[in-house]
C-alpha cells in the first residue's frame, strides 16, 4: 500500500468515525425526551436552527458530491473536492435526527 492509498484509508476511517461519533451524540436527548415523555427545557428555536443548518449543509455536500456541473466548476477553481460520501451521509442523517 503506497502513501496515497494509506492516506485515503486513514481519511475514510476517520470520516466514518466522525460520522458515528456525531450521529450518536444526537440520540441521548431524543431518548431522554422519549422516556420523560416531555420536552421541557428543549429549545424549539435551537431545533429549528439545527434543521435549517443541516438542511443547508446537506444541499451543499450533496451538490458537491453528486451534481456534475457544480463539481466540475469547483474542481476547475480549487483542483480537488474534499467532500466525501461520509459528509453527505452525516448531513442527511442529521436532518432526520
PDB file of N, CA and C in Angstrom:
ATOM      1  N   UNK A   1       0.858  -1.178   0.000  1.00  0.00           N
ATOM      2  CA  UNK A   1       0.000   0.000   0.000  1.00  0.00           C
ATOM      3  C   UNK A   1       0.899   1.234   0.000  1.00  0.00           C
ATOM      4  N   UNK A   2       0.756   2.063  -1.034  1.00  0.00           N
ATOM      5  CA  UNK A   2       1.548   3.274  -1.141  1.00  0.00           C
ATOM      6  C   UNK A   2       1.019   4.377  -0.247  1.00  0.00           C
ATOM      7  N   UNK A   3       1.763   5.446  -0.192  1.00  0.00           N
ATOM      8  CA  UNK A   3       1.392   6.573   0.671  1.00  0.00           C
ATOM      9  C   UNK A   3       0.013   7.165   0.349  1.00  0.00           C
ATOM     10  N   UNK A   4      -0.320   7.448  -0.921  1.00  0.00           N
ATOM     11  CA  UNK A   4      -1.653   7.995  -1.208  1.00  0.00           C
ATOM     12  C   UNK A   4      -2.782   7.033  -0.807  1.00  0.00           C
ATOM     13  N   UNK A   5      -2.556   5.723  -0.967  1.00  0.00           N
ATOM     14  CA  UNK A   5      -3.563   4.751  -0.572  1.00  0.00           C
ATOM     15  C   UNK A   5      -3.733   4.727   0.941  1.00  0.00           C
ATOM     16  N   UNK A   6      -2.627   4.827   1.667  1.00  0.00           N
ATOM     17  CA  UNK A   6      -2.687   4.837   3.133  1.00  0.00           C
ATOM     18  C   UNK A   6      -3.417   6.074   3.632  1.00  0.00           C
ATOM     19  N   UNK A   7      -3.156   7.195   3.013  1.00  0.00           N
ATOM     20  CA  UNK A   7      -3.837   8.435   3.394  1.00  0.00           C
ATOM     21  C   UNK A   7      -5.338   8.306   3.121  1.00  0.00           C
ATOM     22  N   UNK A   8      -5.706   7.691   2.014  1.00  0.00           N
ATOM     23  CA  UNK A   8      -7.118   7.503   1.684  1.00  0.00           C
ATOM     24  C   UNK A   8      -7.796   6.589   2.700  1.00  0.00           C
ATOM     25  N   UNK A   9      -7.115   5.532   3.133  1.00  0.00           N
ATOM     26  CA  UNK A   9      -7.681   4.614   4.127  1.00  0.00           C
ATOM     27  C   UNK A   9      -7.851   5.321   5.461  1.00  0.00           C
ATOM     28  N   UNK A  10      -6.836   6.048   5.903  1.00  0.00           N
ATOM     29  CA  UNK A  10      -6.913   6.786   7.169  1.00  0.00           C
ATOM     30  C   UNK A  10      -8.032   7.830   7.092  1.00  0.00           C
ATOM     31  N   UNK A  11      -8.125   8.526   5.979  1.00  0.00           N
ATOM     32  CA  UNK A  11      -9.177   9.523   5.799  1.00  0.00           C
ATOM     33  C   UNK A  11     -10.557   8.877   5.879  1.00  0.00           C
ATOM     34  N   UNK A  12     -10.730   7.735   5.255  1.00  0.00           N
ATOM     35  CA  UNK A  12     -12.014   7.040   5.285  1.00  0.00           C
ATOM     36  C   UNK A  12     -12.363   6.574   6.693  1.00  0.00           C
ATOM     37  N   UNK A  13     -11.400   6.002   7.396  1.00  0.00           N
ATOM     38  CA  UNK A  13     -11.638   5.533   8.767  1.00  0.00           C
ATOM     39  C   UNK A  13     -11.994   6.712   9.672  1.00  0.00           C
ATOM     40  N   UNK A  14     -11.260   7.803   9.556  1.00  0.00           N
ATOM     41  CA  UNK A  14     -11.565   8.987  10.361  1.00  0.00           C
ATOM     42  C   UNK A  14     -12.921   9.582   9.983  1.00  0.00           C
ATOM     43  N   UNK A  15     -13.257   9.570   8.714  1.00  0.00           N
ATOM     44  CA  UNK A  15     -14.543  10.094   8.254  1.00  0.00           C
ATOM     45  C   UNK A  15     -15.709   9.314   8.823  1.00  0.00           C
ATOM     46  N   UNK A  16     -15.621   7.981   8.781  1.00  0.00           N
ATOM     47  CA  UNK A  16     -16.713   7.167   9.338  1.00  0.00           C
ATOM     48  C   UNK A  16     -16.739   7.242  10.862  1.00  0.00           C
ATOM     49  N   UNK A  17     -15.579   7.397  11.492  1.00  0.00           N
ATOM     50  CA  UNK A  17     -15.550   7.582  12.953  1.00  0.00           C
ATOM     51  C   UNK A  17     -16.223   8.894  13.332  1.00  0.00           C
ATOM     52  N   UNK A  18     -15.955   9.928  12.582  1.00  0.00           N
ATOM     53  CA  UNK A  18     -16.596  11.233  12.777  1.00  0.00           C
ATOM     54  C   UNK A  18     -18.107  11.098  12.626  1.00  0.00           C
ATOM     55  N   UNK A  19     -18.529  10.406  11.573  1.00  0.00           N
ATOM     56  CA  UNK A  19     -19.951  10.190  11.339  1.00  0.00           C
ATOM     57  C   UNK A  19     -20.592   9.482  12.537  1.00  0.00           C
ATOM     58  N   UNK A  20     -19.973   8.413  13.015  1.00  0.00           N
ATOM     59  CA  UNK A  20     -20.542   7.644  14.124  1.00  0.00           C
ATOM     60  C   UNK A  20     -20.602   8.471  15.402  1.00  0.00           C
ATOM     61  N   UNK A  21     -19.516   9.174  15.730  1.00  0.00           N
ATOM     62  CA  UNK A  21     -19.482   9.951  16.970  1.00  0.00           C
ATOM     63  C   UNK A  21     -20.520  11.060  16.976  1.00  0.00           C
ATOM     64  N   UNK A  22     -20.590  11.826  15.915  1.00  0.00           N
ATOM     65  CA  UNK A  22     -21.553  12.928  15.861  1.00  0.00           C
ATOM     66  C   UNK A  22     -22.983  12.420  15.755  1.00  0.00           C
ATOM     67  N   UNK A  23     -23.183  11.339  15.025  1.00  0.00           N
ATOM     68  CA  UNK A  23     -24.534  10.791  14.904  1.00  0.00           C
ATOM     69  C   UNK A  23     -25.027  10.259  16.235  1.00  0.00           C
ATOM     70  N   UNK A  24     -24.177   9.566  16.963  1.00  0.00           N
ATOM     71  CA  UNK A  24     -24.575   9.039  18.269  1.00  0.00           C
ATOM     72  C   UNK A  24     -24.847  10.151  19.276  1.00  0.00           C
ATOM     73  N   UNK A  25     -24.247  11.301  19.066  1.00  0.00           N
ATOM     74  CA  UNK A  25     -24.453  12.404  20.012  1.00  0.00           C
ATOM     75  C   UNK A  25     -25.872  12.966  19.951  1.00  0.00           C
ATOM     76  N   UNK A  26     -26.618  12.687  18.880  1.00  0.00           N
ATOM     77  CA  UNK A  26     -27.991  13.184  18.769  1.00  0.00           C
ATOM     78  C   UNK A  26     -28.971  12.402  19.632  1.00  0.00           C
ATOM     79  N   UNK A  27     -28.689  11.131  19.873  1.00  0.00           N
ATOM     80  CA  UNK A  27     -29.695  10.245  20.434  1.00  0.00           C
ATOM     81  C   UNK A  27     -29.939  10.349  21.937  1.00  0.00           C
ATOM     82  N   UNK A  28     -28.989  10.732  22.782  1.00  0.00           N
ATOM     83  CA  UNK A  28     -29.322  10.856  24.209  1.00  0.00           C
ATOM     84  C   UNK A  28     -30.462  11.839  24.484  1.00  0.00           C
ATOM     85  N   UNK A  29     -30.491  12.972  23.814  1.00  0.00           N
ATOM     86  CA  UNK A  29     -31.568  13.940  24.015  1.00  0.00           C
ATOM     87  C   UNK A  29     -32.906  13.384  23.527  1.00  0.00           C
ATOM     88  N   UNK A  30     -32.882  12.711  22.405  1.00  0.00           N
ATOM     89  CA  UNK A  30     -34.103  12.103  21.884  1.00  0.00           C
ATOM     90  C   UNK A  30     -34.619  11.045  22.859  1.00  0.00           C
ATOM     91  N   UNK A  31     -33.713  10.204  23.372  1.00  0.00           N
ATOM     92  CA  UNK A  31     -34.099   9.162  24.317  1.00  0.00           C
ATOM     93  C   UNK A  31     -34.615   9.768  25.626  1.00  0.00           C
ATOM     94  N   UNK A  32     -33.960  10.790  26.129  1.00  0.00           N
ATOM     95  CA  UNK A  32     -34.394  11.444  27.356  1.00  0.00           C
ATOM     96  C   UNK A  32     -35.795  12.017  27.194  1.00  0.00           C
ATOM     97  N   UNK A  33     -36.045  12.690  26.107  1.00  0.00           N
ATOM     98  CA  UNK A  33     -37.382  13.252  25.854  1.00  0.00           C
ATOM     99  C   UNK A  33     -38.425  12.146  25.745  1.00  0.00           C
ATOM    100  N   UNK A  34     -38.053  11.041  25.121  1.00  0.00           N
ATOM    101  CA  UNK A  34     -38.994   9.938  24.972  1.00  0.00           C
ATOM    102  C   UNK A  34     -39.314   9.291  26.329  1.00  0.00           C
ATOM    103  N   UNK A  35     -38.281   9.045  27.131  1.00  0.00           N
ATOM    104  CA  UNK A  35     -38.529   8.378  28.418  1.00  0.00           C
ATOM    105  C   UNK A  35     -39.254   9.289  29.400  1.00  0.00           C
ATOM    106  N   UNK A  36     -38.974  10.600  29.375  1.00  0.00           N
ATOM    107  CA  UNK A  36     -39.682  11.545  30.244  1.00  0.00           C
ATOM    108  C   UNK A  36     -41.065  11.884  29.705  1.00  0.00           C
ATOM    109  N   UNK A  37     -41.260  11.604  28.413  1.00  0.00           N
ATOM    110  CA  UNK A  37     -42.490  11.985  27.717  1.00  0.00           C
ATOM    111  C   UNK A  37     -42.746  13.487  27.855  1.00  0.00           C
ATOM    112  N   UNK A  38     -41.639  14.222  27.737  1.00  0.00           N
ATOM    113  CA  UNK A  38     -41.702  15.666  27.886  1.00  0.00           C
ATOM    114  C   UNK A  38     -40.543  16.298  27.120  1.00  0.00           C
ATOM    115  N   UNK A  39     -40.770  17.522  26.681  1.00  0.00           N
ATOM    116  CA  UNK A  39     -39.707  18.275  26.019  1.00  0.00           C
ATOM    117  C   UNK A  39     -39.378  19.542  26.808  1.00  0.00           C
ATOM    118  N   UNK A  40     -39.655  19.511  28.105  1.00  0.00           N
ATOM    119  CA  UNK A  40     -39.339  20.659  28.961  1.00  0.00           C
ATOM    120  C   UNK A  40     -37.834  20.910  28.912  1.00  0.00           C
ATOM    121  N   UNK A  41     -37.467  22.147  28.679  1.00  0.00           N
ATOM    122  CA  UNK A  41     -36.059  22.518  28.596  1.00  0.00           C
ATOM    123  C   UNK A  41     -35.481  22.439  27.197  1.00  0.00           C
ATOM    124  N   UNK A  42     -36.227  21.905  26.264  1.00  0.00           N
ATOM    125  CA  UNK A  42     -35.768  21.811  24.888  1.00  0.00           C
ATOM    126  C   UNK A  42     -36.139  23.094  24.153  1.00  0.00           C
ATOM    127  N   UNK A  43     -35.163  23.733  23.568  1.00  0.00           N
ATOM    128  CA  UNK A  43     -35.407  24.980  22.854  1.00  0.00           C
ATOM    129  C   UNK A  43     -35.855  24.682  21.423  1.00  0.00           C
ATOM    130  N   UNK A  44     -37.072  25.074  21.099  1.00  0.00           N
ATOM    131  CA  UNK A  44     -37.567  24.845  19.745  1.00  0.00           C
ATOM    132  C   UNK A  44     -36.849  25.736  18.733  1.00  0.00           C
ATOM    133  N   UNK A  45     -36.408  26.918  19.157  1.00  0.00           N
ATOM    134  CA  UNK A  45     -35.622  27.777  18.263  1.00  0.00           C
ATOM    135  C   UNK A  45     -34.326  27.081  17.872  1.00  0.00           C
ATOM    136  N   UNK A  46     -33.666  26.457  18.855  1.00  0.00           N
ATOM    137  CA  UNK A  46     -32.422  25.745  18.595  1.00  0.00           C
ATOM    138  C   UNK A  46     -32.672  24.597  17.614  1.00  0.00           C
ATOM    139  N   UNK A  47     -33.766  23.869  17.802  1.00  0.00           N
ATOM    140  CA  UNK A  47     -34.094  22.762  16.909  1.00  0.00           C
ATOM    141  C   UNK A  47     -34.362  23.265  15.493  1.00  0.00           C
ATOM    142  N   UNK A  48     -35.038  24.394  15.395  1.00  0.00           N
ATOM    143  CA  UNK A  48     -35.325  24.970  14.089  1.00  0.00           C
ATOM    144  C   UNK A  48     -34.045  25.424  13.381  1.00  0.00           C
ATOM    145  N   UNK A  49     -33.141  26.059  14.129  1.00  0.00           N
ATOM    146  CA  UNK A  49     -31.860  26.466  13.545  1.00  0.00           C
ATOM    147  C   UNK A  49     -31.024  25.258  13.144  1.00  0.00           C
ATOM    148  N   UNK A  50     -31.065  24.197  13.956  1.00  0.00           N
ATOM    149  CA  UNK A  50     -30.353  22.968  13.602  1.00  0.00           C
ATOM    150  C   UNK A  50     -30.898  22.384  12.307  1.00  0.00           C
ATOM    151  N   UNK A  51     -32.218  22.328  12.196  1.00  0.00           N
ATOM    152  CA  UNK A  51     -32.836  21.793  10.992  1.00  0.00           C
ATOM    153  C   UNK A  51     -32.447  22.623   9.769  1.00  0.00           C
ATOM    154  N   UNK A  52     -32.507  23.936   9.898  1.00  0.00           N
ATOM    155  CA  UNK A  52     -32.119  24.810   8.789  1.00  0.00           C
ATOM    156  C   UNK A  52     -30.642  24.630   8.433  1.00  0.00           C
ATOM    157  N   UNK A  53     -29.793  24.607   9.438  1.00  0.00           N
ATOM    158  CA  UNK A  53     -28.355  24.469   9.200  1.00  0.00           C
ATOM    159  C   UNK A  53     -27.992  23.150   8.545  1.00  0.00           C
ATOM    160  N   UNK A  54     -28.535  22.051   9.058  1.00  0.00           N
ATOM    161  CA  UNK A  54     -28.223  20.744   8.482  1.00  0.00           C
ATOM    162  C   UNK A  54     -28.863  20.553   7.110  1.00  0.00           C
ATOM    163  N   UNK A  55     -29.997  21.202   6.864  1.00  0.00           N
ATOM    164  CA  UNK A  55     -30.591  21.148   5.526  1.00  0.00           C
ATOM    165  C   UNK A  55     -29.675  21.858   4.522  1.00  0.00           C
ATOM    166  N   UNK A  56     -29.198  23.030   4.885  1.00  0.00           N
ATOM    167  CA  UNK A  56     -28.268  23.763   4.001  1.00  0.00           C
ATOM    168  C   UNK A  56     -26.968  22.984   3.812  1.00  0.00           C
ATOM    169  N   UNK A  57     -26.455  22.390   4.889  1.00  0.00           N
ATOM    170  CA  UNK A  57     -25.227  21.586   4.804  1.00  0.00           C
ATOM    171  C   UNK A  57     -25.450  20.367   3.912  1.00  0.00           C
ATOM    172  N   UNK A  58     -26.630  19.756   3.989  1.00  0.00           N
ATOM    173  CA  UNK A  58     -26.948  18.605   3.136  1.00  0.00           C
ATOM    174  C   UNK A  58     -26.963  19.007   1.667  1.00  0.00           C
ATOM    175  N   UNK A  59     -27.597  20.134   1.373  1.00  0.00           N
ATOM    176  CA  UNK A  59     -27.645  20.613  -0.010  1.00  0.00           C
ATOM    177  C   UNK A  59     -26.232  20.884  -0.528  1.00  0.00           C
ATOM    178  N   UNK A  60     -25.423  21.541   0.287  1.00  0.00           N
ATOM    179  CA  UNK A  60     -24.044  21.866  -0.094  1.00  0.00           C
ATOM    180  C   UNK A  60     -23.229  20.601  -0.376  1.00  0.00           C
ATOM    181  N   UNK A  61     -23.244  19.651   0.569  1.00  0.00           N
ATOM    182  CA  UNK A  61     -22.414  18.454   0.404  1.00  0.00           C
ATOM    183  C   UNK A  61     -22.915  17.574  -0.730  1.00  0.00           C
ATOM    184  N   UNK A  62     -24.231  17.441  -0.854  1.00  0.00           N
ATOM    185  CA  UNK A  62     -24.767  16.599  -1.928  1.00  0.00           C
ATOM    186  C   UNK A  62     -24.518  17.217  -3.302  1.00  0.00           C
ATOM    187  N   UNK A  63     -24.624  18.529  -3.404  1.00  0.00           N
ATOM    188  CA  UNK A  63     -24.325  19.187  -4.684  1.00  0.00           C
ATOM    189  C   UNK A  63     -22.861  19.014  -5.062  1.00  0.00           C
ATOM    190  N   UNK A  64     -21.966  19.160  -4.091  1.00  0.00           N
ATOM    191  CA  UNK A  64     -20.540  18.994  -4.398  1.00  0.00           C
ATOM    192  C   UNK A  64     -20.173  17.544  -4.677  1.00  0.00           C
ATOM    193  N   UNK A  65     -20.991  16.608  -4.223  1.00  0.00           N
ATOM    194  CA  UNK A  65     -20.687  15.202  -4.462  1.00  0.00           C
ATOM    195  C   UNK A  65     -21.372  14.637  -5.695  1.00  0.00           C
ATOM    196  N   UNK A  66     -22.615  15.042  -5.963  1.00  0.00           N
ATOM    197  CA  UNK A  66     -23.406  14.362  -6.976  1.00  0.00           C
ATOM    198  C   UNK A  66     -23.791  15.210  -8.186  1.00  0.00           C
ATOM    199  N   UNK A  67     -23.630  16.518  -8.126  1.00  0.00           N
ATOM    200  CA  UNK A  67     -24.010  17.385  -9.234  1.00  0.00           C
ATOM    201  C   UNK A  67     -22.775  17.648 -10.099  1.00  0.00           C
ATOM    202  N   UNK A  68     -22.741  17.055 -11.272  1.00  0.00           N
ATOM    203  CA  UNK A  68     -21.545  17.150 -12.132  1.00  0.00           C
ATOM    204  C   UNK A  68     -21.152  18.583 -12.493  1.00  0.00           C
ATOM    205  N   UNK A  69     -22.073  19.444 -12.937  1.00  0.00           N
ATOM    206  CA  UNK A  69     -21.652  20.810 -13.294  1.00  0.00           C
ATOM    207  C   UNK A  69     -21.066  21.572 -12.105  1.00  0.00           C
ATOM    208  N   UNK A  70     -21.658  21.432 -10.943  1.00  0.00           N
ATOM    209  CA  UNK A  70     -21.122  22.119  -9.765  1.00  0.00           C
ATOM    210  C   UNK A  70     -19.759  21.543  -9.403  1.00  0.00           C
ATOM    211  N   UNK A  71     -19.650  20.200  -9.413  1.00  0.00           N
ATOM    212  CA  UNK A  71     -18.373  19.561  -9.082  1.00  0.00           C
ATOM    213  C   UNK A  71     -17.281  19.967 -10.070  1.00  0.00           C
ATOM    214  N   UNK A  72     -17.621  20.029 -11.367  1.00  0.00           N
ATOM    215  CA  UNK A  72     -16.645  20.424 -12.381  1.00  0.00           C
ATOM    216  C   UNK A  72     -16.188  21.865 -12.172  1.00  0.00           C
ATOM    217  N   UNK A  73     -17.126  22.750 -11.898  1.00  0.00           N
ATOM    218  CA  UNK A  73     -16.775  24.153 -11.665  1.00  0.00           C
ATOM    219  C   UNK A  73     -15.896  24.302 -10.422  1.00  0.00           C
ATOM    220  N   UNK A  74     -16.243  23.578  -9.359  1.00  0.00           N
ATOM    221  CA  UNK A  74     -15.456  23.631  -8.119  1.00  0.00           C
ATOM    222  C   UNK A  74     -14.042  23.093  -8.355  1.00  0.00           C
ATOM    223  N   UNK A  75     -13.944  21.952  -9.071  1.00  0.00           N
ATOM    224  CA  UNK A  75     -12.631  21.363  -9.361  1.00  0.00           C
ATOM    225  C   UNK A  75     -11.788  22.280 -10.237  1.00  0.00           C
ATOM    226  N   UNK A  76     -12.421  23.034 -11.130  1.00  0.00           N
ATOM    227  CA  UNK A  76     -11.702  23.959 -12.000  1.00  0.00           C
ATOM    228  C   UNK A  76     -11.035  25.076 -11.186  1.00  0.00           C
ATOM    229  N   UNK A  77     -11.703  25.519 -10.120  1.00  0.00           N
ATOM    230  CA  UNK A  77     -11.169  26.607  -9.298  1.00  0.00           C
ATOM    231  C   UNK A  77     -10.205  26.093  -8.234  1.00  0.00           C
ATOM    232  N   UNK A  78     -10.548  24.999  -7.558  1.00  0.00           N
ATOM    233  CA  UNK A  78      -9.772  24.558  -6.394  1.00  0.00           C
ATOM    234  C   UNK A  78      -8.955  23.307  -6.619  1.00  0.00           C
ATOM    235  N   UNK A  79      -9.055  22.647  -7.717  1.00  0.00           N
ATOM    236  CA  UNK A  79      -8.287  21.472  -8.134  1.00  0.00           C
ATOM    237  C   UNK A  79      -8.631  20.180  -7.392  1.00  0.00           C
ATOM    238  N   UNK A  80      -9.369  20.219  -6.293  1.00  0.00           N
ATOM    239  CA  UNK A  80      -9.785  18.973  -5.651  1.00  0.00           C
ATOM    240  C   UNK A  80     -11.032  19.209  -4.819  1.00  0.00           C
ATOM    241  N   UNK A  81     -11.839  18.182  -4.727  1.00  0.00           N
ATOM    242  CA  UNK A  81     -13.076  18.228  -3.970  1.00  0.00           C
ATOM    243  C   UNK A  81     -12.870  17.411  -2.694  1.00  0.00           C
ATOM    244  N   UNK A  82     -12.908  18.048  -1.557  1.00  0.00           N
ATOM    245  CA  UNK A  82     -12.656  17.359  -0.305  1.00  0.00           C
ATOM    246  C   UNK A  82     -13.932  16.821   0.346  1.00  0.00           C
ATOM    247  N   UNK A  83     -15.081  17.025  -0.273  1.00  0.00           N
ATOM    248  CA  UNK A  83     -16.331  16.495   0.260  1.00  0.00           C
ATOM    249  C   UNK A  83     -16.395  15.004  -0.056  1.00  0.00           C
ATOM    250  N   UNK A  84     -16.633  14.189   0.963  1.00  0.00           N
ATOM    251  CA  UNK A  84     -16.696  12.745   0.793  1.00  0.00           C
ATOM    252  C   UNK A  84     -18.108  12.236   1.034  1.00  0.00           C
ATOM    253  N   UNK A  85     -18.309  10.962   0.760  1.00  0.00           N
ATOM    254  CA  UNK A  85     -19.620  10.361   0.970  1.00  0.00           C
ATOM    255  C   UNK A  85     -20.003  10.399   2.454  1.00  0.00           C
ATOM    256  N   UNK A  86     -19.014  10.323   3.352  1.00  0.00           N
ATOM    257  CA  UNK A  86     -19.303  10.404   4.783  1.00  0.00           C
ATOM    258  C   UNK A  86     -19.961  11.730   5.132  1.00  0.00           C
ATOM    259  N   UNK A  87     -19.517  12.807   4.512  1.00  0.00           N
ATOM    260  CA  UNK A  87     -20.100  14.122   4.756  1.00  0.00           C
ATOM    261  C   UNK A  87     -21.572  14.150   4.336  1.00  0.00           C
ATOM    262  N   UNK A  88     -21.858  13.559   3.180  1.00  0.00           N
ATOM    263  CA  UNK A  88     -23.249  13.531   2.689  1.00  0.00           C
ATOM    264  C   UNK A  88     -24.130  12.686   3.597  1.00  0.00           C
ATOM    265  N   UNK A  89     -23.650  11.508   3.983  1.00  0.00           N
ATOM    266  CA  UNK A  89     -24.444  10.619   4.831  1.00  0.00           C
ATOM    267  C   UNK A  89     -24.707  11.280   6.178  1.00  0.00           C
ATOM    268  N   UNK A  90     -23.674  11.902   6.762  1.00  0.00           N
ATOM    269  CA  UNK A  90     -23.866  12.566   8.052  1.00  0.00           C
ATOM    270  C   UNK A  90     -24.874  13.709   7.943  1.00  0.00           C
ATOM    271  N   UNK A  91     -24.732  14.534   6.933  1.00  0.00           N
ATOM    272  CA  UNK A  91     -25.623  15.694   6.790  1.00  0.00           C
ATOM    273  C   UNK A  91     -27.077  15.260   6.624  1.00  0.00           C
ATOM    274  N   UNK A  92     -27.301  14.260   5.806  1.00  0.00           N
ATOM    275  CA  UNK A  92     -28.668  13.775   5.601  1.00  0.00           C
ATOM    276  C   UNK A  92     -29.221  13.124   6.862  1.00  0.00           C
ATOM    277  N   UNK A  93     -28.365  12.375   7.564  1.00  0.00           N
ATOM    278  CA  UNK A  93     -28.787  11.765   8.835  1.00  0.00           C
ATOM    279  C   UNK A  93     -29.114  12.829   9.879  1.00  0.00           C
ATOM    280  N   UNK A  94     -28.326  13.891   9.918  1.00  0.00           N
ATOM    281  CA  UNK A  94     -28.542  14.956  10.901  1.00  0.00           C
ATOM    282  C   UNK A  94     -29.870  15.658  10.656  1.00  0.00           C
ATOM    283  N   UNK A  95     -30.287  15.795   9.410  1.00  0.00           N
ATOM    284  CA  UNK A  95     -31.575  16.419   9.117  1.00  0.00           C
ATOM    285  C   UNK A  95     -32.708  15.565   9.703  1.00  0.00           C
ATOM    286  N   UNK A  96     -32.548  14.270   9.632  1.00  0.00           N
ATOM    287  CA  UNK A  96     -33.593  13.355  10.077  1.00  0.00           C
ATOM    288  C   UNK A  96     -33.603  13.102  11.587  1.00  0.00           C
ATOM    289  N   UNK A  97     -32.475  13.318  12.251  1.00  0.00           N
ATOM    290  CA  UNK A  97     -32.384  13.012  13.699  1.00  0.00           C
ATOM    291  C   UNK A  97     -32.915  14.133  14.548  1.00  0.00           C
TER     292      UNK A  97
END
